[in-house]
C-alpha atoms as a PDB file:
ATOM      1  CA  MET A   1       0.000   0.000   0.000  1.00  0.00           C
ATOM      2  CA  HIS A   2       1.162   3.512  -0.784  1.00  0.00           C
ATOM      3  CA  LEU A   3      -0.323   6.204   1.453  1.00  0.00           C
ATOM      4  CA  LEU A   4      -0.950   9.762   0.262  1.00  0.00           C
ATOM      5  CA  ILE A   5      -2.186  12.517   2.566  1.00  0.00           C
ATOM      6  CA  ASN A   6      -4.503  15.152   1.072  1.00  0.00           C
ATOM      7  CA  ILE A   7      -5.439  18.280   3.003  1.00  0.00           C
ATOM      8  CA  ASP A   8      -8.040  20.727   1.710  1.00  0.00           C
ATOM      9  CA  VAL A   9      -7.202  24.365   2.342  1.00  0.00           C
ATOM     10  CA  PRO A  10      -8.817  27.603   1.167  1.00  0.00           C
ATOM     11  CA  ASP A  11      -5.505  29.483   0.821  1.00  0.00           C
ATOM     12  CA  LEU A  12      -2.799  27.385  -0.813  1.00  0.00           C
ATOM     13  CA  PRO A  13       0.135  29.844  -0.470  1.00  0.00           C
ATOM     14  CA  ALA A  14      -0.621  30.432   3.234  1.00  0.00           C
ATOM     15  CA  ALA A  15      -0.962  26.699   3.922  1.00  0.00           C
ATOM     16  CA  GLU A  16       2.274  25.925   2.100  1.00  0.00           C
ATOM     17  CA  ALA A  17       4.095  28.582   4.116  1.00  0.00           C
ATOM     18  CA  LEU A  18       2.647  27.364   7.409  1.00  0.00           C
ATOM     19  CA  TYR A  19       3.323  23.645   6.948  1.00  0.00           C
ATOM     20  CA  THR A  20       6.830  24.102   5.547  1.00  0.00           C
ATOM     21  CA  ARG A  21       7.749  26.434   8.398  1.00  0.00           C
ATOM     22  CA  ALA A  22       6.016  24.461  11.165  1.00  0.00           C
ATOM     23  CA  PHE A  23       7.138  20.963  10.175  1.00  0.00           C
ATOM     24  CA  GLY A  24      10.253  21.486   8.060  1.00  0.00           C
ATOM     25  CA  LEU A  25       8.607  20.140   4.892  1.00  0.00           C
ATOM     26  CA  THR A  26       9.664  21.246   1.430  1.00  0.00           C
ATOM     27  CA  ALA A  27       7.555  21.957  -1.629  1.00  0.00           C
ATOM     28  CA  GLY A  28       7.815  19.424  -4.419  1.00  0.00           C
ATOM     29  CA  ARG A  29       5.676  19.284  -7.527  1.00  0.00           C
ATOM     30  CA  ARG A  30       2.985  21.856  -8.207  1.00  0.00           C
ATOM     31  CA  PHE A  31      -0.335  21.108  -9.798  1.00  0.00           C
ATOM     32  CA  GLY A  32      -1.251  24.388 -11.426  1.00  0.00           C
ATOM     33  CA  ASP A  33      -2.878  26.778  -8.982  1.00  0.00           C
ATOM     34  CA  GLY A  34      -4.786  23.944  -7.321  1.00  0.00           C
ATOM     35  CA  GLY A  35      -2.240  21.910  -5.425  1.00  0.00           C
ATOM     36  CA  VAL A  36       1.248  21.446  -4.106  1.00  0.00           C
ATOM     37  CA  GLU A  37       3.107  18.369  -2.939  1.00  0.00           C
ATOM     38  CA  LEU A  38       4.966  18.674   0.376  1.00  0.00           C
ATOM     39  CA  LEU A  39       7.890  16.354   0.976  1.00  0.00           C
ATOM     40  CA  GLY A  40       9.875  15.392   4.046  1.00  0.00           C
ATOM     41  CA  ALA A  41       7.389  13.131   5.834  1.00  0.00           C
ATOM     42  CA  GLN A  42       7.103   9.351   5.411  1.00  0.00           C
ATOM     43  CA  ALA A  43       4.211   9.961   3.006  1.00  0.00           C
ATOM     44  CA  PRO A  44       3.778  12.906   0.654  1.00  0.00           C
ATOM     45  CA  ILE A  45       1.291  15.542   1.765  1.00  0.00           C
ATOM     46  CA  TYR A  46      -0.803  17.187  -0.919  1.00  0.00           C
ATOM     47  CA  LEU A  47      -2.340  20.555  -0.178  1.00  0.00           C
ATOM     48  CA  LEU A  48      -5.437  21.028  -2.322  1.00  0.00           C
ATOM     49  CA  GLN A  49      -6.974  24.453  -2.913  1.00  0.00           C
ATOM     50  CA  ASN A  50     -10.724  24.210  -2.226  1.00  0.00           C
ATOM     51  CA  ALA A  51     -12.821  27.251  -1.432  1.00  0.00           C
ATOM     52  CA  ALA A  52     -14.957  27.493   1.666  1.00  0.00           C
ATOM     53  CA  GLY A  53     -18.517  26.607   0.717  1.00  0.00           C
ATOM     54  CA  SER A  54     -17.496  24.322  -2.138  1.00  0.00           C
ATOM     55  CA  THR A  55     -19.029  20.849  -2.313  1.00  0.00           C
ATOM     56  CA  ALA A  56     -17.202  18.183  -0.324  1.00  0.00           C
ATOM     57  CA  ALA A  57     -18.101  14.537   0.368  1.00  0.00           C
ATOM     58  CA  ALA A  58     -21.730  13.428   0.525  1.00  0.00           C
ATOM     59  CA  GLY A  59     -22.958  16.858  -0.539  1.00  0.00           C
ATOM     60  CA  ALA A  60     -21.536  18.612   2.503  1.00  0.00           C
ATOM     61  CA  ARG A  61     -20.006  22.062   2.086  1.00  0.00           C
ATOM     62  CA  ARG A  62     -16.452  22.794   3.105  1.00  0.00           C
ATOM     63  CA  ASP A  63     -15.913  25.143   5.987  1.00  0.00           C
ATOM     64  CA  TYR A  64     -12.654  25.868   7.631  1.00  0.00           C
ATOM     65  CA  ILE A  65     -13.664  26.533  11.215  1.00  0.00           C
ATOM     66  CA  ARG A  66     -12.209  24.224  13.856  1.00  0.00           C
ATOM     67  CA  HIS A  67     -13.889  20.860  13.457  1.00  0.00           C
ATOM     68  CA  TRP A  68     -13.652  17.416  14.910  1.00  0.00           C
ATOM     69  CA  THR A  69     -12.805  14.512  12.677  1.00  0.00           C
ATOM     70  CA  PRO A  70     -11.887  10.937  13.537  1.00  0.00           C
ATOM     71  CA  VAL A  71      -8.795  11.389  11.356  1.00  0.00           C
ATOM     72  CA  HIS A  72      -5.964  13.695  12.340  1.00  0.00           C
ATOM     73  CA  LEU A  73      -2.240  13.848  11.732  1.00  0.00           C
ATOM     74  CA  ASP A  74       0.470  13.137  14.284  1.00  0.00           C
ATOM     75  CA  VAL A  75       3.959  14.520  13.754  1.00  0.00           C
ATOM     76  CA  VAL A  76       6.631  12.591  15.663  1.00  0.00           C
ATOM     77  CA  VAL A  77       9.524  14.815  16.728  1.00  0.00           C
ATOM     78  CA  ASP A  78      12.759  14.227  18.605  1.00  0.00           C
ATOM     79  CA  HIS A  79      12.249  17.206  20.941  1.00  0.00           C
ATOM     80  CA  LEU A  80       8.696  18.359  21.612  1.00  0.00           C
ATOM     81  CA  GLU A  81       9.176  21.839  23.059  1.00  0.00           C
ATOM     82  CA  PRO A  82      11.269  23.323  20.215  1.00  0.00           C
ATOM     83  CA  ALA A  83       8.936  21.693  17.674  1.00  0.00           C
ATOM     84  CA  LEU A  84       5.945  23.198  19.487  1.00  0.00           C
ATOM     85  CA  ASP A  85       7.584  26.637  19.493  1.00  0.00           C
ATOM     86  CA  ARG A  86       8.255  26.368  15.749  1.00  0.00           C
ATOM     87  CA  ALA A  87       4.649  25.255  15.067  1.00  0.00           C
ATOM     88  CA  LEU A  88       3.215  28.112  17.133  1.00  0.00           C
ATOM     89  CA  GLN A  89       5.461  30.684  15.425  1.00  0.00           C
ATOM     90  CA  ALA A  90       4.301  29.318  12.061  1.00  0.00           C
ATOM     91  CA  GLY A  91       0.644  29.881  12.958  1.00  0.00           C
ATOM     92  CA  LEU A  92      -0.741  26.736  14.572  1.00  0.00           C
ATOM     93  CA  VAL A  93      -2.725  27.121  17.798  1.00  0.00           C
ATOM     94  CA  GLN A  94      -2.014  25.045  20.892  1.00  0.00           C
ATOM     95  CA  GLU A  95      -5.203  23.424  22.199  1.00  0.00           C
ATOM     96  CA  THR A  96      -3.858  21.426  25.156  1.00  0.00           C
ATOM     97  CA  ASP A  97      -0.976  21.483  27.565  1.00  0.00           C
ATOM     98  CA  ILE A  98       1.857  19.054  26.910  1.00  0.00           C
ATOM     99  CA  ARG A  99       0.727  15.746  28.391  1.00  0.00           C
ATOM    100  CA  GLU A 100       3.106  12.999  29.497  1.00  0.00           C
ATOM    101  CA  THR A 101       2.179   9.377  28.837  1.00  0.00           C
ATOM    102  CA  ASP A 102       3.803   5.973  29.249  1.00  0.00           C
ATOM    103  CA  TRP A 103       5.031   6.156  25.646  1.00  0.00           C
ATOM    104  CA  GLY A 104       6.133   9.811  25.584  1.00  0.00           C
ATOM    105  CA  CYS A 105       4.616  13.304  25.376  1.00  0.00           C
ATOM    106  CA  ILE A 106       1.835  14.785  23.256  1.00  0.00           C
ATOM    107  CA  VAL A 107       0.359  18.204  22.571  1.00  0.00           C
ATOM    108  CA  ARG A 108      -2.699  18.915  20.424  1.00  0.00           C
ATOM    109  CA  LEU A 109      -2.738  21.758  17.891  1.00  0.00           C
ATOM    110  CA  ALA A 110      -5.048  23.201  15.237  1.00  0.00           C
ATOM    111  CA  ASP A 111      -4.165  24.944  12.013  1.00  0.00           C
ATOM    112  CA  PRO A 112      -5.991  28.068  10.795  1.00  0.00           C
ATOM    113  CA  TRP A 113      -8.232  25.904   8.589  1.00  0.00           C
ATOM    114  CA  GLY A 114      -9.669  23.779  11.384  1.00  0.00           C
ATOM    115  CA  HIS A 115      -7.511  20.674  10.938  1.00  0.00           C
ATOM    116  CA  GLY A 116      -6.264  18.867  14.036  1.00  0.00           C
ATOM    117  CA  TRP A 117      -2.584  18.052  14.505  1.00  0.00           C
ATOM    118  CA  CYS A 118      -0.626  16.450  17.342  1.00  0.00           C
ATOM    119  CA  LEU A 119       3.058  16.649  18.090  1.00  0.00           C
ATOM    120  CA  LEU A 120       4.455  13.489  19.708  1.00  0.00           C
ATOM    121  CA  GLN A 121       7.791  12.806  21.331  1.00  0.00           C
ATOM    122  CA  PHE A 122       8.368   9.121  21.934  1.00  0.00           C
ATOM    123  CA  VAL A 123      10.473   7.782  24.804  1.00  0.00           C
ATOM    124  CA  ASN A 124      12.234   4.435  24.864  1.00  0.00           C
ATOM    125  CA  ARG A 125      10.212   2.170  22.531  1.00  0.00           C
ATOM    126  CA  GLY A 126       7.371   4.616  21.763  1.00  0.00           C
ATOM    127  CA  TYR A 127       3.992   2.913  21.375  1.00  0.00           C
ATOM    128  CA  ASP A 128       5.704  -0.443  22.018  1.00  0.00           C
ATOM    129  CA  GLU A 129       5.873   0.649  25.678  1.00  0.00           C
ATOM    130  CA  ILE A 130       2.101   0.055  25.923  1.00  0.00           C
ATOM    131  CA  ALA A 131       1.547  -2.603  23.231  1.00  0.00           C
ATOM    132  CA  THR A 132       0.282  -5.971  24.389  1.00  0.00           C
END
């Protein structure tokens, strides 16, 4: 299986600037004015220009206010606090305090378009610390 990540945004240049600055990604191929490929993660991330109010899945209309979805993206970092500082300076909003767990630390963020993100810092064996 080959995984691709697609993120709808209403402002492609602003989203490209935010994600490259926040997560150290680089722009790859461009797809006219409608999309850009971001590289530097284990899977390519495609930012897709879609206006607020345009038709989305099942006839729903896109809006870019903060929303809940059962799918979000986790970014694993070596050092959480500097990564959090970089993400905040780039324009993400911190939604929770840094929380320590058996597998490491996590903090929840949101981008300006309502998408949820988490920064994770694993310790020792990461999720294997709690796997059964």
